[in-house]
N, C-alpha and C. Protein backbone atom coordinates (compact mmCIF):
# COMPACT_ATOMS: atom_id res chain seq x y z
N MET A 1 90.07 -70.74 -21.92
CA MET A 1 88.94 -71.62 -21.36
C MET A 1 88.00 -70.43 -21.07
N GLY A 2 86.87 -70.80 -21.33
CA GLY A 2 85.51 -69.89 -21.26
C GLY A 2 84.90 -70.19 -19.67
N ARG A 3 84.24 -69.01 -19.57
CA ARG A 3 83.51 -69.38 -18.13
C ARG A 3 82.75 -70.82 -17.88
N ASP A 4 82.56 -71.73 -18.98
CA ASP A 4 81.72 -72.72 -18.95
C ASP A 4 82.41 -74.18 -19.40
N GLY A 5 83.83 -73.67 -19.31
CA GLY A 5 84.85 -74.68 -19.71
C GLY A 5 84.97 -74.89 -21.33
N TRP A 6 84.34 -74.28 -21.80
CA TRP A 6 84.42 -74.44 -23.54
C TRP A 6 85.60 -73.52 -23.97
N PRO A 7 86.19 -73.93 -25.01
CA PRO A 7 87.31 -73.04 -25.44
C PRO A 7 86.90 -71.76 -26.18
N VAL A 8 87.45 -70.57 -26.24
CA VAL A 8 87.02 -69.41 -26.36
C VAL A 8 88.06 -69.19 -27.85
N SER A 9 87.31 -68.61 -28.85
CA SER A 9 88.09 -68.47 -30.08
C SER A 9 87.97 -66.87 -30.28
N ILE A 10 89.15 -66.38 -30.83
CA ILE A 10 89.27 -65.02 -30.72
C ILE A 10 89.67 -64.75 -32.41
N GLY A 11 89.04 -64.16 -33.06
CA GLY A 11 89.22 -64.05 -34.32
C GLY A 11 88.73 -65.26 -35.56
N PRO A 12 89.15 -65.18 -36.56
CA PRO A 12 88.90 -66.01 -37.54
C PRO A 12 89.59 -67.32 -37.44
N ASP A 13 88.82 -68.61 -37.87
CA ASP A 13 89.51 -69.69 -37.56
C ASP A 13 90.75 -70.05 -39.00
N PRO A 14 91.86 -70.09 -38.58
CA PRO A 14 92.81 -70.13 -39.77
C PRO A 14 92.71 -71.23 -40.54
N GLN A 15 92.00 -72.38 -40.08
CA GLN A 15 91.55 -73.55 -40.85
C GLN A 15 90.28 -73.24 -42.03
N MET A 16 89.87 -72.35 -41.52
CA MET A 16 88.56 -72.10 -42.51
C MET A 16 88.83 -70.98 -43.48
N SER A 17 88.31 -71.04 -44.47
CA SER A 17 88.58 -69.83 -45.52
C SER A 17 87.28 -69.51 -46.40
N LEU A 18 86.91 -68.29 -46.61
CA LEU A 18 86.02 -67.78 -47.76
C LEU A 18 86.29 -67.14 -48.74
N GLU A 19 86.08 -67.41 -49.79
CA GLU A 19 86.38 -66.68 -51.19
C GLU A 19 85.20 -66.20 -51.51
N VAL A 20 85.33 -64.67 -51.63
CA VAL A 20 84.18 -63.87 -52.09
C VAL A 20 84.40 -63.64 -53.95
N ILE A 21 83.35 -64.07 -54.61
CA ILE A 21 83.41 -63.99 -56.01
C ILE A 21 82.48 -62.92 -56.50
N ASP A 22 82.94 -61.87 -57.19
CA ASP A 22 81.75 -60.72 -57.68
C ASP A 22 81.51 -61.46 -59.05
N ARG A 23 80.50 -61.85 -59.14
CA ARG A 23 79.89 -62.27 -60.34
C ARG A 23 79.34 -61.46 -61.19
N HIS A 24 78.73 -60.52 -60.73
CA HIS A 24 77.90 -59.52 -61.51
C HIS A 24 78.53 -58.05 -61.43
N SER A 25 78.60 -57.00 -62.36
CA SER A 25 79.10 -55.85 -62.38
C SER A 25 78.14 -54.97 -61.65
N GLU A 26 78.83 -53.75 -61.19
CA GLU A 26 77.78 -52.87 -60.44
C GLU A 26 77.12 -52.24 -61.32
N ALA A 27 77.61 -52.15 -62.69
CA ALA A 27 76.70 -51.74 -63.81
C ALA A 27 75.18 -52.42 -63.76
N LEU A 28 75.24 -53.50 -63.70
CA LEU A 28 73.94 -54.32 -63.75
C LEU A 28 72.96 -54.03 -62.37
N PHE A 29 73.47 -53.89 -61.43
CA PHE A 29 72.65 -53.28 -60.30
C PHE A 29 72.32 -51.96 -60.50
N GLU A 30 73.14 -51.16 -61.22
CA GLU A 30 72.76 -49.74 -61.68
C GLU A 30 71.37 -49.76 -62.42
N PHE A 31 71.46 -50.80 -63.28
CA PHE A 31 70.44 -50.84 -64.37
C PHE A 31 68.93 -51.34 -63.72
N LEU A 32 69.11 -52.51 -62.83
CA LEU A 32 68.21 -53.09 -62.12
C LEU A 32 67.18 -52.24 -61.47
N TRP A 33 65.99 -52.46 -61.27
CA TRP A 33 65.02 -51.95 -60.30
C TRP A 33 64.03 -52.92 -59.78
N CYS A 34 63.48 -52.52 -58.59
CA CYS A 34 62.70 -53.61 -58.20
C CYS A 34 61.09 -53.39 -58.82
N PRO A 35 60.43 -54.51 -59.10
CA PRO A 35 59.38 -54.32 -59.77
C PRO A 35 58.20 -54.54 -58.69
N VAL A 36 58.51 -54.36 -57.55
CA VAL A 36 57.29 -54.18 -56.36
C VAL A 36 57.15 -52.57 -56.19
N CYS A 37 58.23 -51.87 -55.88
CA CYS A 37 58.07 -50.61 -55.53
C CYS A 37 58.81 -49.83 -56.24
N GLY A 38 59.76 -49.98 -57.58
CA GLY A 38 60.31 -49.04 -58.66
C GLY A 38 61.49 -48.61 -58.08
N HIS A 39 62.07 -48.79 -56.86
CA HIS A 39 63.40 -48.21 -56.52
C HIS A 39 64.39 -49.27 -57.02
N GLU A 40 65.71 -48.42 -56.91
CA GLU A 40 66.88 -48.92 -57.55
C GLU A 40 68.08 -49.31 -56.81
N VAL A 41 68.21 -49.17 -55.56
CA VAL A 41 69.05 -49.29 -54.63
C VAL A 41 68.90 -50.72 -53.94
N PHE A 42 69.70 -51.65 -54.12
CA PHE A 42 69.74 -52.81 -53.31
C PHE A 42 70.88 -52.89 -52.70
N SER A 43 70.63 -53.74 -51.60
CA SER A 43 71.56 -53.97 -50.36
C SER A 43 71.98 -55.62 -50.29
N HIS A 44 73.20 -55.93 -50.37
CA HIS A 44 73.66 -57.45 -49.96
C HIS A 44 74.12 -57.82 -48.61
N ILE A 45 73.41 -58.66 -48.31
CA ILE A 45 73.58 -59.11 -46.90
C ILE A 45 74.44 -60.71 -47.24
N PRO A 46 75.79 -60.62 -46.55
CA PRO A 46 76.48 -61.85 -46.60
C PRO A 46 75.70 -62.90 -46.16
N PHE A 47 75.56 -64.13 -46.96
CA PHE A 47 74.91 -65.47 -46.61
C PHE A 47 73.38 -65.38 -46.65
N GLU A 48 72.77 -64.08 -46.96
CA GLU A 48 71.44 -64.50 -46.76
C GLU A 48 70.62 -63.86 -48.14
N GLY A 49 71.60 -62.49 -48.92
CA GLY A 49 71.13 -62.57 -50.30
C GLY A 49 70.95 -60.87 -50.64
N VAL A 50 70.30 -60.60 -51.62
CA VAL A 50 70.25 -59.13 -52.04
C VAL A 50 69.00 -58.89 -52.09
N PHE A 51 68.64 -57.79 -51.30
CA PHE A 51 67.42 -57.27 -51.22
C PHE A 51 67.07 -55.66 -51.49
N CYS A 52 65.95 -55.45 -52.08
CA CYS A 52 65.66 -54.04 -52.35
C CYS A 52 65.63 -53.11 -51.06
N LYS A 53 66.62 -52.05 -51.37
CA LYS A 53 66.67 -51.46 -49.80
C LYS A 53 65.37 -50.65 -49.45
N ASN A 54 64.53 -50.75 -50.23
CA ASN A 54 63.27 -49.81 -49.90
C ASN A 54 62.29 -50.59 -49.51
N CYS A 55 62.02 -51.74 -49.98
CA CYS A 55 60.77 -52.78 -49.68
C CYS A 55 61.27 -54.16 -49.27
N ASN A 56 62.30 -54.41 -49.21
CA ASN A 56 63.15 -55.60 -48.82
C ASN A 56 62.58 -56.72 -49.83
N THR A 57 62.18 -56.64 -51.11
CA THR A 57 61.92 -57.68 -51.88
C THR A 57 63.21 -58.32 -52.04
N GLN A 58 63.28 -59.75 -52.07
CA GLN A 58 64.43 -60.27 -52.54
C GLN A 58 64.79 -60.71 -53.93
N VAL A 59 66.04 -60.36 -54.23
CA VAL A 59 66.09 -60.63 -55.66
C VAL A 59 67.60 -61.68 -55.79
N VAL A 60 67.25 -62.61 -56.75
CA VAL A 60 68.56 -63.87 -56.73
C VAL A 60 69.02 -63.52 -58.37
N LEU A 61 70.06 -63.53 -58.50
CA LEU A 61 70.60 -63.32 -60.25
C LEU A 61 71.41 -64.76 -60.07
N ARG A 62 70.98 -65.29 -61.66
CA ARG A 62 71.28 -66.24 -62.15
C ARG A 62 71.88 -66.02 -63.47
N GLU A 63 72.97 -66.63 -63.95
CA GLU A 63 73.40 -66.77 -65.30
C GLU A 63 72.41 -67.37 -66.35
N SER A 64 72.17 -66.65 -67.36
CA SER A 64 71.26 -67.43 -68.49
C SER A 64 72.12 -68.36 -69.21
N ARG A 65 71.34 -69.47 -69.57
CA ARG A 65 72.13 -70.39 -70.54
C ARG A 65 72.17 -69.80 -71.89
N GLU A 66 71.08 -69.25 -72.16
CA GLU A 66 71.01 -68.72 -73.63
C GLU A 66 71.53 -67.06 -73.51
N THR A 67 72.56 -66.79 -74.24
CA THR A 67 72.96 -65.35 -74.28
C THR A 67 72.63 -64.91 -75.83
N ARG A 68 72.53 -65.56 -76.67
CA ARG A 68 71.91 -64.60 -77.76
C ARG A 68 73.28 -63.86 -78.45
N GLY A 69 74.51 -63.93 -78.24
CA GLY A 69 75.61 -63.33 -78.59
C GLY A 69 75.94 -61.99 -77.68
N TYR A 70 75.04 -61.75 -76.77
CA TYR A 70 75.29 -60.67 -75.83
C TYR A 70 76.48 -60.97 -74.85
N GLU A 71 77.24 -59.80 -74.43
CA GLU A 71 78.38 -60.25 -73.36
C GLU A 71 77.81 -60.80 -71.82
N GLU A 72 76.47 -60.20 -71.62
CA GLU A 72 75.64 -60.95 -70.50
C GLU A 72 74.24 -61.36 -70.58
N ALA A 73 73.94 -62.27 -70.24
CA ALA A 73 72.48 -62.48 -70.10
C ALA A 73 72.12 -63.07 -68.54
N ILE A 74 71.28 -62.21 -67.88
CA ILE A 74 71.07 -62.66 -66.47
C ILE A 74 69.66 -62.85 -66.42
N LEU A 75 69.23 -63.68 -65.38
CA LEU A 75 68.02 -63.84 -64.84
C LEU A 75 67.86 -63.35 -63.53
N ALA A 76 67.10 -62.28 -63.39
CA ALA A 76 67.03 -61.77 -61.92
C ALA A 76 65.72 -62.19 -61.59
N CYS A 77 65.66 -63.07 -60.41
CA CYS A 77 64.41 -63.66 -60.07
C CYS A 77 64.09 -62.86 -58.85
N PHE A 78 62.76 -62.26 -58.58
CA PHE A 78 62.39 -61.34 -57.40
C PHE A 78 61.06 -62.23 -56.69
N ASP A 79 61.35 -62.10 -55.52
CA ASP A 79 60.54 -62.66 -54.62
C ASP A 79 60.04 -62.02 -53.40
N THR A 80 58.80 -62.09 -53.24
CA THR A 80 58.13 -60.79 -52.07
C THR A 80 57.88 -61.73 -51.02
N ASP A 81 58.35 -62.92 -50.58
CA ASP A 81 58.15 -63.45 -49.24
C ASP A 81 58.89 -62.70 -48.06
N SER A 82 59.76 -61.75 -48.36
CA SER A 82 60.53 -60.89 -47.19
C SER A 82 59.90 -59.53 -47.47
N THR A 83 58.98 -59.21 -48.36
CA THR A 83 58.82 -57.85 -48.70
C THR A 83 58.02 -57.02 -47.38
N TRP A 84 58.42 -55.90 -47.10
CA TRP A 84 57.84 -55.15 -46.26
C TRP A 84 56.65 -54.42 -46.35
N ASN A 85 55.43 -54.54 -45.45
CA ASN A 85 54.08 -53.80 -45.60
C ASN A 85 53.60 -53.96 -47.13
N LEU A 86 53.61 -55.23 -47.81
CA LEU A 86 53.06 -55.44 -48.87
C LEU A 86 51.65 -55.62 -48.90
N HIS A 87 50.97 -56.08 -47.66
CA HIS A 87 49.79 -56.20 -47.53
C HIS A 87 49.02 -54.89 -47.01
N VAL A 88 49.77 -53.91 -46.88
CA VAL A 88 49.13 -52.92 -46.24
C VAL A 88 49.22 -51.72 -47.10
N ASP A 89 50.26 -51.54 -47.92
CA ASP A 89 50.34 -50.38 -48.88
C ASP A 89 50.40 -50.45 -50.22
N GLU A 90 49.18 -50.74 -50.89
CA GLU A 90 49.24 -50.87 -52.34
C GLU A 90 49.45 -49.75 -53.18
N LYS A 91 49.34 -48.54 -52.53
CA LYS A 91 49.64 -47.01 -53.14
C LYS A 91 51.27 -47.08 -53.39
N LEU A 92 52.01 -47.81 -52.86
CA LEU A 92 53.52 -47.60 -52.90
C LEU A 92 54.11 -48.89 -53.48
N ARG A 93 53.53 -50.25 -53.37
CA ARG A 93 54.18 -51.30 -53.59
C ARG A 93 52.99 -52.28 -54.27
N ARG A 94 53.56 -53.02 -55.54
CA ARG A 94 52.55 -53.75 -56.24
C ARG A 94 52.99 -55.18 -56.09
N ASP A 95 52.41 -56.36 -55.64
CA ASP A 95 52.73 -57.46 -55.51
C ASP A 95 52.93 -58.23 -56.88
N LEU A 96 53.74 -59.14 -56.87
CA LEU A 96 54.13 -60.00 -57.83
C LEU A 96 53.08 -61.33 -57.80
N PRO A 97 52.89 -61.61 -59.26
CA PRO A 97 52.02 -62.87 -59.44
C PRO A 97 52.53 -63.96 -58.59
N ASP A 98 51.63 -64.68 -57.87
CA ASP A 98 52.19 -65.69 -56.63
C ASP A 98 53.43 -65.45 -55.95
N GLY A 99 53.71 -64.27 -55.57
CA GLY A 99 54.40 -63.57 -54.78
C GLY A 99 56.22 -63.92 -55.49
N SER A 100 56.32 -63.98 -57.02
CA SER A 100 57.51 -64.04 -57.70
C SER A 100 57.60 -63.54 -58.90
N ALA A 101 58.54 -63.30 -59.72
CA ALA A 101 58.70 -62.79 -61.08
C ALA A 101 60.29 -62.83 -61.59
N ARG A 102 60.29 -62.90 -62.85
CA ARG A 102 61.60 -63.09 -63.33
C ARG A 102 61.84 -62.17 -64.30
N VAL A 103 62.66 -61.52 -64.70
CA VAL A 103 63.21 -60.60 -65.65
C VAL A 103 64.51 -61.24 -66.24
N LYS A 104 64.56 -61.35 -67.60
CA LYS A 104 65.86 -61.58 -68.16
C LYS A 104 66.55 -60.25 -68.91
N VAL A 105 67.67 -60.13 -68.48
CA VAL A 105 68.59 -58.83 -68.77
C VAL A 105 69.65 -59.53 -69.77
N LEU A 106 69.80 -58.88 -70.93
CA LEU A 106 70.58 -58.76 -71.66
C LEU A 106 71.46 -57.68 -72.19
N GLY A 107 72.85 -57.93 -72.52
CA GLY A 107 73.81 -56.65 -72.77
C GLY A 107 75.12 -56.54 -72.28
N ALA A 108 75.50 -55.34 -71.72
CA ALA A 108 76.84 -55.28 -70.96
C ALA A 108 76.66 -54.01 -70.09
N PRO A 109 77.52 -53.86 -69.52
CA PRO A 109 77.45 -52.71 -68.65
C PRO A 109 77.40 -51.42 -69.53
N GLY A 110 76.40 -50.67 -68.96
CA GLY A 110 76.26 -49.24 -70.16
C GLY A 110 74.97 -49.73 -71.20
N ALA A 111 75.00 -50.75 -71.31
CA ALA A 111 73.95 -51.04 -72.44
C ALA A 111 72.99 -52.23 -72.09
N TYR A 112 72.53 -52.18 -70.95
CA TYR A 112 71.58 -53.44 -70.68
C TYR A 112 70.20 -53.26 -71.22
N GLU A 113 69.49 -54.02 -71.59
CA GLU A 113 68.04 -54.06 -71.73
C GLU A 113 67.29 -55.44 -71.39
N VAL A 114 65.95 -55.01 -70.91
CA VAL A 114 65.18 -56.05 -70.48
C VAL A 114 64.69 -56.96 -71.95
N ASP A 115 64.71 -58.30 -71.99
CA ASP A 115 64.20 -59.14 -72.80
C ASP A 115 62.89 -59.59 -72.61
N TRP A 116 62.56 -60.10 -71.45
CA TRP A 116 61.30 -60.41 -71.13
C TRP A 116 61.15 -60.58 -69.58
N TRP A 117 59.81 -60.45 -69.31
CA TRP A 117 59.36 -60.98 -67.91
C TRP A 117 58.69 -62.33 -67.85
N SER A 118 58.73 -62.79 -66.79
CA SER A 118 57.77 -64.05 -66.62
C SER A 118 57.30 -63.98 -65.10
N PRO A 119 55.80 -63.75 -64.82
CA PRO A 119 54.98 -63.86 -66.14
C PRO A 119 54.79 -62.54 -66.86
N ALA A 120 54.33 -62.90 -68.03
CA ALA A 120 54.48 -61.60 -69.07
C ALA A 120 53.70 -60.55 -68.22
N PRO A 121 53.83 -59.23 -68.48
CA PRO A 121 52.94 -58.11 -68.05
C PRO A 121 51.62 -58.11 -68.89
N GLY A 122 50.59 -58.06 -68.19
CA GLY A 122 49.19 -57.94 -69.00
C GLY A 122 48.23 -57.31 -68.09
N GLU A 123 47.05 -57.92 -68.24
CA GLU A 123 45.96 -57.26 -67.53
C GLU A 123 45.93 -57.46 -66.02
N ASP A 124 46.49 -58.73 -65.54
CA ASP A 124 46.64 -59.02 -64.12
C ASP A 124 47.74 -58.27 -63.51
N TRP A 125 48.94 -58.21 -64.07
CA TRP A 125 50.27 -57.44 -63.59
C TRP A 125 50.80 -57.00 -64.43
N VAL A 126 51.44 -55.87 -63.93
CA VAL A 126 52.21 -54.87 -64.64
C VAL A 126 53.51 -54.69 -63.74
N PRO A 127 54.82 -54.86 -63.77
CA PRO A 127 55.54 -54.22 -62.97
C PRO A 127 55.76 -53.16 -62.65
N VAL A 128 56.17 -52.62 -61.54
CA VAL A 128 56.22 -51.15 -61.10
C VAL A 128 57.49 -50.56 -62.09
N GLU A 129 57.53 -49.39 -62.64
CA GLU A 129 58.47 -48.69 -63.29
C GLU A 129 59.53 -48.34 -62.62
N GLN A 130 60.63 -48.00 -62.93
CA GLN A 130 61.51 -47.24 -62.04
C GLN A 130 61.23 -45.81 -61.78
N GLY A 131 61.03 -45.57 -60.43
CA GLY A 131 60.55 -44.53 -60.03
C GLY A 131 59.23 -44.24 -59.99
N GLU A 132 58.50 -44.93 -60.26
CA GLU A 132 56.98 -44.85 -60.45
C GLU A 132 56.06 -44.13 -59.15
N PHE A 133 56.69 -44.74 -58.10
CA PHE A 133 56.00 -44.18 -56.77
C PHE A 133 56.87 -43.10 -56.36
N ASP A 134 58.15 -42.78 -56.91
CA ASP A 134 59.07 -41.50 -56.05
C ASP A 134 58.17 -40.33 -55.64
N ASP A 135 57.14 -39.96 -56.03
CA ASP A 135 56.42 -38.81 -55.71
C ASP A 135 55.32 -38.93 -54.64
N VAL A 136 55.15 -40.32 -54.23
CA VAL A 136 54.08 -40.66 -53.23
C VAL A 136 54.69 -40.89 -52.01
N GLU A 137 54.40 -40.22 -51.05
CA GLU A 137 54.99 -40.15 -49.70
C GLU A 137 54.20 -41.50 -48.86
N GLU A 138 54.86 -42.24 -47.94
CA GLU A 138 54.69 -43.30 -47.37
C GLU A 138 54.03 -42.65 -45.92
N PRO A 139 52.64 -43.16 -45.95
CA PRO A 139 52.05 -42.66 -44.86
C PRO A 139 52.68 -42.88 -43.28
N ASP A 140 52.50 -42.10 -42.32
CA ASP A 140 53.36 -42.46 -41.33
C ASP A 140 52.75 -43.91 -40.53
N GLU A 141 51.63 -44.11 -40.28
CA GLU A 141 51.28 -45.33 -39.97
C GLU A 141 51.67 -46.58 -40.77
N VAL A 142 51.86 -46.62 -41.80
CA VAL A 142 52.49 -47.59 -42.87
C VAL A 142 54.00 -47.70 -42.36
N ALA A 143 54.85 -46.64 -42.29
CA ALA A 143 55.98 -46.53 -42.34
C ALA A 143 56.78 -47.61 -41.06
N HIS A 144 55.91 -47.45 -39.84
CA HIS A 144 56.37 -48.29 -38.68
C HIS A 144 56.44 -49.68 -38.85
N LEU A 145 55.71 -50.08 -39.56
CA LEU A 145 55.16 -51.46 -39.81
C LEU A 145 56.49 -52.27 -40.10
N ALA A 146 57.47 -51.57 -41.24
CA ALA A 146 58.71 -52.25 -41.72
C ALA A 146 59.31 -52.95 -40.60
């Protein structure tokens, strides 16, 4: 018993179980990049989601119903609700239309390609390309806001 008379549990509950399923290959994450900042490194936080390691934009992966004969067809849905410094740092980050965008990726490990973006890139919005801001330094006054 604990200090307050409540039972104390040490270690995992033997009656509970959690199965982890790796649904997407590491090669898919090596292909993907963040359309907000252009970086290619993502972090998985169990029970919370997958986030861009640079700007914290969230990405949710879903299998597409239409594969058109490809081994994999994935919808990557990006959301900027959790993005750091988006309102301050327009030289290093580009907001998504209405805070979200989707990309459909087709292919197989080592041979992925972008099928489409939604909304479609145009005059009002273009996703940041991989590495587009790599040579730009983040100002000190912005870095502390993350």
